[in-house]
Amino acid sequence: MTTLHFDTLLLPTGWTDGVTVDIASDGTISAVRGGTTPPAGAERQAIGLPGLANLHSHAFQRGMAGLAEVAGPSKDSFWTWRQVMYRFLDRLTPEDVEAIAAELYVEMLEAGFTSVGEFHYLHHAPDGGWYDDPAEMAGRIATAALKTGIGLTLLPVFYGQGGLGGKPTEHQQRRFASSADSFGRLVEGARRHLAGLPHARLGIAPHSIRAVTPESLGAVTGAFADGPIHIHAAEQTKEVEDCLAWSGRRPVEWLIEHAGVGPRWCLIHATHMTEAETVALAGSGAVAGLCPITEANLGDGIFPGTAYLGAGGALGVGSDSHVRVDLAEELRLLEYGQRLRDRSRNVFGREGQSSGRLLLEAALAGGAKALQRPSGAIETGAVADIVALDPEHRALVAARGDRIIDGWIFAGDQTAVSAVWVAGRKVVAEGRHVDREPIRARFSRTMRRILA
């Protein structure tokens, strides 16, 4: 058993002083006791919080961060960015994907993310053929998670068509296209790769309405009776326009009417919704997966966050394209986007309430739900995903209670994170991942060769 003691710790009941946390050998919390002095042999920390889920990741894209920041001859958008992404992924081997994913997961852990939903769509060899193991690339993601210690919900992506109305996939999409039947074999291969990974979960990810037909969407979701289902939806206005032209319905509207969206689902982005769609998604039990840094980088738009939370919706955050990996910045930008749109301050909070606390607790609950990971709160029976903050960080000096969260989110960054435990295993100490140096060295060698 591992025992930790915190001077102050955020529990489901609020901030509590003098908390001892006992962690069983399986990585779950066996006891939480407040008002205690440090037991003999306990590791002492000052400030503790639950670890947050990063609910949307395309790991290989960490390697292309910064490569798409040169203006083109026409107005740049997601669609022009996508061309850079296609050119980059053409160069990647399975070994490259593992090296990039491991570096990314180190950065996530150092930022305070303790689990990740890997929306994994790079399946095939460069010529579009299957590897001998159809789940070779998924296995590389699992290996990176095992080496770094991050909690993994693996979401193999089904990509069956190149556009709405059954448009065939393009040559540039050959590395992730599959049929419903071959996708089933891929999912089973991914399941085998997760067998030795503690607390790992398997889900599926129909890529988007434009990448599936109604029939294939029903086939793949119907064949997968358990586990989370994630899908991109309403990220760009062009997607909304195309969906209206194809079906007479907007993307979120179509999914709710035709796909059985419910508590197992996570709709990624959902940026462009009407008021009726916002209320309907909130009432469905699904999670809205928001990626504020990536959405800002791509110029996608601003999620209707205040209306959505006001309707009782669940949300979480992810770092998506990983142009930056910073938990505090994702939450900060989520709030700031609403402020810029509404020309107001503290738009998520209620009178007398901490904006940071509300954002963090919403993302903790929504992230755990979206990844089906029993974490997101420090309580008996939960997976012991815990983050310690440095009380001497410039944004946290003399902070108590919710001022700690507000200081970290609105005035801090990843350097405020001092230690991280995932399923009871300490993976970050003194702000650095325990295996940072060899993982970063491999990443550097990989990137020098890819970008040469």
Protein backbone atom coordinates (compact mmCIF):
# COMPACT_ATOMS: atom_id res chain seq x y z
CA MET A 1 0.00 0.00 0.00
CA THR A 2 1.11 3.57 -0.79
CA THR A 3 0.20 6.35 1.64
CA LEU A 4 0.15 10.05 0.77
CA HIS A 5 -0.53 12.97 3.09
CA PHE A 6 -1.61 16.42 1.90
CA ASP A 7 -1.72 19.63 3.88
CA THR A 8 -4.83 20.48 1.85
CA LEU A 9 -6.66 18.38 -0.71
CA LEU A 10 -9.68 18.96 -2.96
CA LEU A 11 -12.23 16.26 -2.12
CA PRO A 12 -15.80 15.87 -3.46
CA THR A 13 -16.97 17.69 -0.33
CA GLY A 14 -14.53 20.57 -0.87
CA TRP A 15 -11.11 21.60 0.38
CA THR A 16 -10.03 19.55 3.38
CA ASP A 17 -6.90 19.97 5.50
CA GLY A 18 -4.64 17.22 6.78
CA VAL A 19 -5.76 14.45 4.41
CA THR A 20 -4.25 10.98 4.33
CA VAL A 21 -4.86 8.90 1.20
CA ASP A 22 -4.22 5.16 1.21
CA ILE A 23 -3.70 3.54 -2.20
CA ALA A 24 -4.08 -0.21 -2.68
CA SER A 25 -1.77 -2.32 -4.81
CA ASP A 26 -4.27 -2.28 -7.70
CA GLY A 27 -3.98 1.50 -7.95
CA THR A 28 -7.34 2.35 -6.41
CA ILE A 29 -7.94 4.47 -3.32
CA SER A 30 -8.69 2.33 -0.29
CA ALA A 31 -9.21 5.11 2.26
CA VAL A 32 -9.37 8.91 2.54
CA ARG A 33 -9.12 10.47 6.01
CA GLY A 34 -9.26 14.19 6.75
CA GLY A 35 -7.99 16.04 9.81
CA THR A 36 -4.99 13.75 10.23
CA THR A 37 -1.32 14.19 10.93
CA PRO A 38 1.14 12.52 8.55
CA PRO A 39 1.38 8.78 9.32
CA ALA A 40 4.78 7.18 9.55
CA GLY A 41 6.12 6.40 6.08
CA ALA A 42 3.63 8.62 4.23
CA GLU A 43 4.85 10.83 1.42
CA ARG A 44 4.03 14.44 2.29
CA GLN A 45 2.73 17.03 -0.18
CA ALA A 46 1.26 20.49 0.31
CA ILE A 47 -1.60 20.83 -2.22
CA GLY A 48 -3.48 18.03 -3.97
CA LEU A 49 -6.15 17.87 -6.68
CA PRO A 50 -7.74 15.08 -8.73
CA GLY A 51 -5.97 14.38 -12.01
CA LEU A 52 -7.79 15.55 -15.15
CA ALA A 53 -8.66 13.53 -18.25
CA ASN A 54 -7.42 14.81 -21.61
CA LEU A 55 -10.40 13.53 -23.54
CA HIS A 56 -9.30 14.20 -27.13
CA SER A 57 -5.88 13.45 -28.60
CA HIS A 58 -4.36 12.75 -32.00
CA ALA A 59 -0.92 11.82 -30.67
CA PHE A 60 1.06 11.92 -33.93
CA GLN A 61 0.09 15.56 -34.47
CA ARG A 62 2.39 16.63 -31.63
CA GLY A 63 5.20 16.12 -34.14
CA MET A 64 3.76 18.70 -36.56
CA ALA A 65 3.11 21.46 -34.01
CA GLY A 66 4.24 24.74 -35.54
CA LEU A 67 4.43 23.43 -39.12
CA ALA A 68 1.17 25.02 -40.31
CA GLU A 69 1.70 28.64 -39.28
CA VAL A 70 2.65 30.08 -42.69
CA ALA A 71 -0.13 31.92 -44.51
CA GLY A 72 -1.28 30.44 -47.79
CA PRO A 73 -2.52 32.12 -51.00
CA SER A 74 -6.15 32.03 -49.84
CA LYS A 75 -7.93 32.29 -46.49
CA ASP A 76 -6.48 29.65 -44.17
CA SER A 77 -8.79 27.36 -42.20
CA PHE A 78 -9.04 23.83 -40.85
CA TRP A 79 -9.21 22.63 -44.45
CA THR A 80 -5.86 24.16 -45.42
CA TRP A 81 -4.31 22.96 -42.13
CA ARG A 82 -5.49 19.46 -43.01
CA GLN A 83 -3.32 19.43 -46.13
CA VAL A 84 -0.21 20.02 -43.98
CA MET A 85 -1.34 17.19 -41.70
CA TYR A 86 -1.75 14.80 -44.65
CA ARG A 87 1.78 15.54 -45.87
CA PHE A 88 3.25 15.03 -42.40
CA LEU A 89 1.57 11.72 -41.61
CA ASP A 90 2.75 10.22 -44.91
CA ARG A 91 6.28 10.01 -43.44
CA LEU A 92 5.46 8.22 -40.17
CA THR A 93 6.45 4.66 -39.29
CA PRO A 94 5.04 2.73 -36.31
CA GLU A 95 8.26 3.45 -34.42
CA ASP A 96 7.83 7.17 -35.11
CA VAL A 97 4.26 7.15 -33.81
CA GLU A 98 5.37 5.44 -30.59
CA ALA A 99 8.19 7.94 -30.05
CA ILE A 100 5.94 10.96 -30.65
CA ALA A 101 3.14 9.57 -28.48
CA ALA A 102 5.51 8.87 -25.59
CA GLU A 103 6.86 12.44 -25.71
CA LEU A 104 3.32 13.80 -25.82
CA TYR A 105 2.20 11.71 -22.86
CA VAL A 106 5.18 12.90 -20.83
CA GLU A 107 4.12 16.48 -21.55
CA MET A 108 0.52 15.72 -20.62
CA LEU A 109 1.53 14.18 -17.31
CA GLU A 110 3.82 17.09 -16.47
CA ALA A 111 0.89 19.43 -17.17
CA GLY A 112 -1.45 17.58 -14.78
CA PHE A 113 -3.38 15.37 -17.20
CA THR A 114 -3.49 11.84 -15.81
CA SER A 115 -5.43 10.04 -18.55
CA VAL A 116 -6.01 10.46 -22.27
CA GLY A 117 -8.65 9.58 -24.82
CA GLU A 118 -6.59 8.68 -27.88
CA PHE A 119 -8.77 9.29 -30.96
CA HIS A 120 -6.53 7.08 -33.06
CA TYR A 121 -6.97 7.08 -36.84
CA LEU A 122 -3.51 6.45 -38.31
CA HIS A 123 -3.92 2.70 -38.94
CA HIS A 124 -2.24 1.71 -42.20
CA ALA A 125 1.15 1.57 -43.88
CA PRO A 126 2.12 4.49 -46.18
CA ASP A 127 0.76 2.65 -49.22
CA GLY A 128 -2.61 2.22 -47.52
CA GLY A 129 -2.18 -1.50 -46.87
CA TRP A 130 -2.73 -3.21 -43.55
CA TYR A 131 0.24 -4.11 -41.38
CA ASP A 132 0.60 -7.82 -40.57
CA ASP A 133 -1.00 -6.91 -37.25
CA PRO A 134 -4.02 -4.75 -38.22
CA ALA A 135 -3.70 -3.02 -34.85
CA GLU A 136 0.05 -2.38 -35.14
CA MET A 137 -0.34 1.39 -34.76
CA ALA A 138 -2.82 1.01 -31.90
CA GLY A 139 -0.29 -1.23 -30.20
CA ARG A 140 2.31 1.53 -30.47
CA ILE A 141 -0.07 3.91 -28.68
CA ALA A 142 -0.60 1.32 -25.94
CA THR A 143 3.15 0.87 -25.59
CA ALA A 144 3.67 4.63 -25.24
CA ALA A 145 1.01 4.76 -22.54
CA LEU A 146 2.59 1.84 -20.70
CA LYS A 147 6.08 3.40 -20.83
CA THR A 148 4.91 6.79 -19.57
CA GLY A 149 2.26 5.61 -17.11
CA ILE A 150 -0.64 7.69 -18.42
CA GLY A 151 -4.12 6.21 -18.16
CA LEU A 152 -5.40 5.26 -21.61
CA THR A 153 -8.82 5.08 -23.20
CA LEU A 154 -8.04 3.94 -26.74
CA LEU A 155 -10.55 5.00 -29.39
CA PRO A 156 -9.79 3.37 -32.76
CA VAL A 157 -11.31 5.51 -35.50
CA PHE A 158 -13.68 4.27 -38.18
CA TYR A 159 -13.22 6.26 -41.38
CA GLY A 160 -15.30 4.78 -44.17
CA GLN A 161 -15.85 7.53 -46.73
CA GLY A 162 -14.32 10.78 -47.94
CA GLY A 163 -17.36 13.03 -47.63
CA LEU A 164 -21.10 13.20 -47.06
CA GLY A 165 -23.29 11.17 -49.36
CA GLY A 166 -20.94 8.22 -49.71
CA LYS A 167 -18.09 10.10 -51.38
CA PRO A 168 -15.08 7.73 -51.73
CA THR A 169 -12.00 8.38 -49.66
CA GLU A 170 -9.20 10.40 -51.19
CA HIS A 171 -5.69 9.10 -51.82
CA GLN A 172 -4.45 11.23 -48.89
CA GLN A 173 -6.83 9.36 -46.56
CA ARG A 174 -5.53 5.91 -47.43
CA ARG A 175 -3.73 5.46 -44.09
CA PHE A 176 -6.94 5.59 -42.06
CA ALA A 177 -9.76 4.33 -44.29
CA SER A 178 -11.44 0.98 -43.60
CA SER A 179 -14.67 -0.96 -44.10
CA ALA A 180 -17.00 -1.77 -41.23
CA ASP A 181 -15.81 -5.40 -41.32
CA SER A 182 -12.08 -4.59 -41.28
CA PHE A 183 -12.70 -2.04 -38.55
CA GLY A 184 -14.13 -4.82 -36.38
CA ARG A 185 -10.87 -6.75 -36.75
CA LEU A 186 -8.92 -3.63 -35.89
CA VAL A 187 -10.92 -3.13 -32.69
CA GLU A 188 -10.32 -6.71 -31.59
CA GLY A 189 -6.60 -6.30 -32.25
CA ALA A 190 -6.58 -3.12 -30.19
CA ARG A 191 -8.31 -4.99 -27.37
CA ARG A 192 -5.46 -7.51 -27.29
CA HIS A 193 -2.88 -4.73 -27.07
CA LEU A 194 -4.66 -3.25 -24.06
CA ALA A 195 -4.79 -6.52 -22.16
CA GLY A 196 -1.65 -5.79 -20.12
CA LEU A 197 -2.35 -2.12 -19.50
CA PRO A 198 -3.79 -1.41 -16.03
CA HIS A 199 -7.19 0.33 -15.96
CA ALA A 200 -7.16 0.81 -19.75
CA ARG A 201 -10.48 1.22 -21.56
CA LEU A 202 -11.45 0.55 -25.16
CA GLY A 203 -13.94 2.63 -27.09
CA ILE A 204 -14.62 3.47 -30.71
CA ALA A 205 -14.60 6.69 -32.69
CA PRO A 206 -16.62 7.07 -35.87
CA HIS A 207 -14.55 9.95 -37.21
CA SER A 208 -17.35 12.33 -38.23
CA ILE A 209 -20.63 12.43 -40.12
CA ARG A 210 -18.67 13.15 -43.28
CA ALA A 211 -16.57 9.96 -42.84
CA VAL A 212 -19.43 7.48 -42.32
CA THR A 213 -22.73 6.60 -43.92
CA PRO A 214 -25.83 6.21 -41.76
CA GLU A 215 -25.63 2.46 -42.39
CA SER A 216 -21.95 2.08 -41.48
CA LEU A 217 -22.36 4.28 -38.41
CA GLY A 218 -25.18 2.05 -37.21
CA ALA A 219 -23.13 -1.08 -37.97
CA VAL A 220 -20.02 -0.07 -36.04
CA THR A 221 -21.86 1.38 -33.04
CA GLY A 222 -24.27 -1.56 -32.96
CA ALA A 223 -21.39 -4.04 -32.95
CA PHE A 224 -19.77 -2.28 -30.00
CA ALA A 225 -22.26 -2.66 -27.17
CA ASP A 226 -20.04 -1.37 -24.37
CA GLY A 227 -17.50 1.41 -23.94
CA PRO A 228 -17.36 5.05 -25.00
CA ILE A 229 -18.21 6.38 -28.46
CA HIS A 230 -16.52 9.61 -29.59
CA ILE A 231 -17.17 11.54 -32.81
CA HIS A 232 -16.14 14.90 -34.29
CA ALA A 233 -19.19 17.11 -34.83
CA ALA A 234 -19.89 20.66 -36.01
CA GLU A 235 -16.27 21.79 -35.79
CA GLN A 236 -16.40 24.03 -38.88
CA THR A 237 -19.15 26.03 -40.59
CA LYS A 238 -18.45 24.21 -43.89
CA GLU A 239 -19.28 20.93 -42.18
CA VAL A 240 -22.59 22.38 -41.03
CA GLU A 241 -23.40 23.70 -44.51
CA ASP A 242 -22.52 20.39 -46.15
CA CYS A 243 -24.61 18.42 -43.65
CA LEU A 244 -27.61 20.70 -44.23
CA ALA A 245 -27.27 20.25 -47.98
CA TRP A 246 -27.02 16.46 -47.61
CA SER A 247 -29.70 15.80 -44.98
CA GLY A 248 -31.60 18.98 -44.18
CA ARG A 249 -30.23 18.71 -40.65
CA ARG A 250 -27.24 20.21 -38.88
CA PRO A 251 -24.56 17.75 -37.62
CA VAL A 252 -25.49 17.68 -33.91
CA GLU A 253 -29.18 17.70 -34.80
CA TRP A 254 -28.69 14.76 -37.20
CA LEU A 255 -26.70 12.73 -34.67
CA ILE A 256 -29.26 13.20 -31.92
CA GLU A 257 -32.12 12.25 -34.25
CA HIS A 258 -30.46 9.29 -35.99
CA ALA A 259 -27.50 7.92 -34.00
CA GLY A 260 -28.89 7.30 -30.52
CA VAL A 261 -26.59 9.82 -28.84
CA GLY A 262 -26.59 9.22 -25.09
CA PRO A 263 -24.36 8.90 -22.00
CA ARG A 264 -21.75 6.72 -23.79
CA TRP A 265 -21.14 9.43 -26.37
CA CYS A 266 -18.72 12.32 -26.52
CA LEU A 267 -19.21 14.88 -29.29
CA ILE A 268 -15.88 16.54 -29.99
CA HIS A 269 -15.96 20.31 -30.57
CA ALA A 270 -19.74 20.78 -31.19
CA THR A 271 -18.76 24.38 -31.83
CA HIS A 272 -21.52 25.44 -34.20
CA MET A 273 -24.88 24.63 -32.60
CA THR A 274 -28.23 26.40 -32.54
CA GLU A 275 -29.92 27.06 -29.21
CA ALA A 276 -32.13 24.01 -29.77
CA GLU A 277 -29.13 21.78 -30.51
CA THR A 278 -27.33 23.09 -27.42
CA VAL A 279 -30.25 22.21 -25.18
CA ALA A 280 -30.74 18.84 -26.87
CA LEU A 281 -27.08 17.85 -26.52
CA ALA A 282 -27.08 18.91 -22.87
CA GLY A 283 -30.16 16.78 -22.23
CA SER A 284 -28.83 13.72 -24.05
CA GLY A 285 -26.35 12.77 -21.33
CA ALA A 286 -23.45 12.97 -23.78
CA VAL A 287 -20.26 14.91 -23.08
CA ALA A 288 -19.09 17.85 -25.17
CA GLY A 289 -15.36 17.40 -25.76
CA LEU A 290 -13.81 20.87 -26.06
CA CYS A 291 -10.30 21.65 -27.28
CA PRO A 292 -9.97 25.43 -26.80
CA ILE A 293 -6.30 25.81 -27.81
CA THR A 294 -6.69 23.81 -31.01
CA GLU A 295 -10.03 25.43 -31.83
CA ALA A 296 -8.38 28.84 -31.46
CA ASN A 297 -5.34 27.78 -33.48
CA LEU A 298 -7.56 26.57 -36.34
CA GLY A 299 -9.92 29.54 -36.14
CA ASP A 300 -12.90 27.21 -35.69
CA GLY A 301 -15.10 29.36 -33.48
CA ILE A 302 -16.32 29.54 -29.88
CA PHE A 303 -18.43 26.84 -28.19
CA PRO A 304 -21.71 28.06 -26.63
CA GLY A 305 -20.40 27.19 -23.18
CA THR A 306 -22.53 29.34 -20.90
CA ALA A 307 -25.78 28.24 -22.56
CA TYR A 308 -24.66 24.59 -22.55
CA LEU A 309 -23.68 24.49 -18.89
CA GLY A 310 -26.79 26.47 -18.05
CA ALA A 311 -28.83 23.67 -19.65
CA GLY A 312 -27.06 21.08 -17.49
CA GLY A 313 -24.62 19.80 -20.08
CA ALA A 314 -21.46 17.80 -19.32
CA LEU A 315 -18.12 18.86 -20.77
CA GLY A 316 -14.44 18.03 -20.70
CA VAL A 317 -11.28 19.30 -22.36
CA GLY A 318 -8.62 17.83 -24.62
CA SER A 319 -5.52 19.07 -26.40
CA ASP A 320 -6.43 17.60 -29.84
CA SER A 321 -3.64 18.70 -32.24
CA HIS A 322 -1.24 19.44 -29.34
CA VAL A 323 0.06 22.71 -30.70
CA ARG A 324 0.40 23.34 -26.96
CA VAL A 325 -0.02 20.96 -24.03
CA ASP A 326 -1.11 22.90 -20.96
CA LEU A 327 -4.05 21.92 -18.78
CA ALA A 328 -4.38 25.34 -17.14
CA GLU A 329 -4.35 27.06 -20.53
CA GLU A 330 -7.11 24.83 -21.93
CA LEU A 331 -9.42 25.79 -19.06
CA ARG A 332 -8.33 29.42 -19.13
CA LEU A 333 -9.00 29.72 -22.86
CA LEU A 334 -12.38 28.03 -22.46
CA GLU A 335 -13.40 30.82 -20.07
CA TYR A 336 -11.70 33.58 -22.05
CA GLY A 337 -13.46 32.63 -25.27
CA GLN A 338 -16.80 33.13 -23.55
CA ARG A 339 -15.60 36.45 -22.11
CA LEU A 340 -14.51 37.74 -25.52
CA ARG A 341 -17.81 36.75 -27.12
CA ASP A 342 -19.98 38.18 -24.31
CA ARG A 343 -17.69 41.11 -23.38
CA SER A 344 -18.02 40.13 -19.74
CA ARG A 345 -15.95 38.54 -16.96
CA ASN A 346 -16.37 35.36 -14.89
CA VAL A 347 -19.09 34.20 -17.24
CA PHE A 348 -19.20 30.58 -16.07
CA GLY A 349 -19.25 31.42 -12.36
CA ARG A 350 -22.20 32.38 -10.22
CA GLU A 351 -22.17 35.18 -7.66
CA GLY A 352 -19.50 34.55 -5.08
CA GLN A 353 -18.28 31.40 -6.86
CA SER A 354 -14.79 30.68 -8.15
CA SER A 355 -14.68 30.47 -11.95
CA GLY A 356 -11.66 28.20 -11.78
CA ARG A 357 -13.35 25.78 -9.38
CA LEU A 358 -16.43 25.52 -11.59
CA LEU A 359 -14.36 24.94 -14.74
CA LEU A 360 -12.13 22.35 -13.09
CA GLU A 361 -14.95 20.36 -11.51
CA ALA A 362 -16.98 20.37 -14.73
CA ALA A 363 -13.97 19.10 -16.70
CA LEU A 364 -13.12 16.49 -14.06
CA ALA A 365 -16.61 15.00 -14.11
CA GLY A 366 -17.07 15.22 -17.88
CA GLY A 367 -13.61 13.87 -18.65
CA ALA A 368 -14.01 10.84 -16.38
CA LYS A 369 -17.42 10.13 -17.92
CA ALA A 370 -16.19 10.47 -21.49
CA LEU A 371 -13.26 8.11 -20.93
CA GLN A 372 -15.24 5.75 -18.66
CA ARG A 373 -12.40 5.95 -16.18
CA PRO A 374 -13.33 5.74 -12.48
CA SER A 375 -11.33 8.82 -11.53
CA GLY A 376 -11.99 12.54 -11.50
CA ALA A 377 -12.48 12.62 -7.73
CA ILE A 378 -10.34 11.59 -4.78
CA GLU A 379 -12.58 9.13 -2.97
CA THR A 380 -12.61 5.51 -1.86
CA GLY A 381 -12.79 3.12 -4.82
CA ALA A 382 -11.61 5.61 -7.43
CA VAL A 383 -8.44 5.15 -9.44
CA ALA A 384 -5.70 7.10 -7.62
CA ASP A 385 -5.07 9.81 -10.22
CA ILE A 386 -3.74 12.73 -8.18
CA VAL A 387 -1.85 15.95 -8.93
CA ALA A 388 0.25 17.91 -6.43
CA LEU A 389 0.88 21.63 -6.92
CA ASP A 390 3.88 23.63 -5.77
CA PRO A 391 2.81 26.06 -3.00
CA GLU A 392 5.85 28.24 -3.79
CA HIS A 393 4.93 28.70 -7.45
CA ARG A 394 4.55 32.42 -8.20
CA ALA A 395 0.80 31.99 -8.90
CA LEU A 396 0.11 30.02 -5.71
CA VAL A 397 2.07 31.76 -2.98
CA ALA A 398 -0.17 32.23 0.09
CA ALA A 399 -3.19 30.81 -1.79
CA ARG A 400 -5.83 28.88 0.11
CA GLY A 401 -9.00 27.08 -0.97
CA ASP A 402 -10.39 28.00 -4.37
CA ARG A 403 -7.76 30.71 -4.79
CA ILE A 404 -5.38 27.83 -5.48
CA ILE A 405 -7.40 26.75 -8.51
CA ASP A 406 -7.92 30.32 -9.72
CA GLY A 407 -4.22 31.04 -9.36
CA TRP A 408 -3.22 27.93 -11.30
CA ILE A 409 -5.74 28.36 -14.14
CA PHE A 410 -5.68 32.12 -14.61
CA ALA A 411 -2.14 33.03 -13.54
CA GLY A 412 -0.17 29.79 -13.79
CA ASP A 413 0.87 27.07 -16.19
CA GLN A 414 2.27 23.54 -16.20
CA THR A 415 5.24 24.62 -14.06
CA ALA A 416 2.88 24.74 -11.07
CA VAL A 417 2.60 20.93 -11.17
CA SER A 418 5.12 19.35 -8.82
CA ALA A 419 4.09 15.68 -8.68
CA VAL A 420 1.62 13.33 -10.38
CA TRP A 421 0.34 9.86 -9.53
CA VAL A 422 -1.56 7.68 -12.02
CA ALA A 423 -3.27 4.66 -10.52
CA GLY A 424 -1.08 5.18 -7.48
CA ARG A 425 2.20 5.17 -9.42
CA LYS A 426 4.28 8.32 -9.11
CA VAL A 427 5.17 9.36 -12.65
CA VAL A 428 6.12 13.02 -12.13
CA ALA A 429 8.45 14.21 -9.36
CA GLU A 430 9.70 17.78 -8.85
CA GLY A 431 7.85 18.79 -12.00
CA ARG A 432 9.57 16.30 -14.32
CA HIS A 433 8.48 12.93 -15.62
CA VAL A 434 10.57 10.16 -14.11
CA ASP A 435 11.64 8.93 -17.59
CA ARG A 436 11.67 12.27 -19.38
CA GLU A 437 15.26 12.25 -20.65
CA PRO A 438 15.34 8.96 -22.65
CA ILE A 439 11.85 9.58 -24.03
CA ARG A 440 12.74 13.09 -25.14
CA ALA A 441 16.03 11.96 -26.66
CA ARG A 442 14.20 9.35 -28.77
CA PHE A 443 11.63 11.95 -29.81
CA SER A 444 14.37 14.38 -30.86
CA ARG A 445 16.12 11.75 -32.98
CA THR A 446 12.80 10.85 -34.59
CA MET A 447 11.89 14.43 -35.45
CA ARG A 448 15.32 15.24 -36.89
CA ARG A 449 14.96 12.35 -39.30
CA ILE A 450 11.32 13.08 -40.24
CA LEU A 451 11.92 16.79 -40.85
CA ALA A 452 15.32 16.48 -42.52
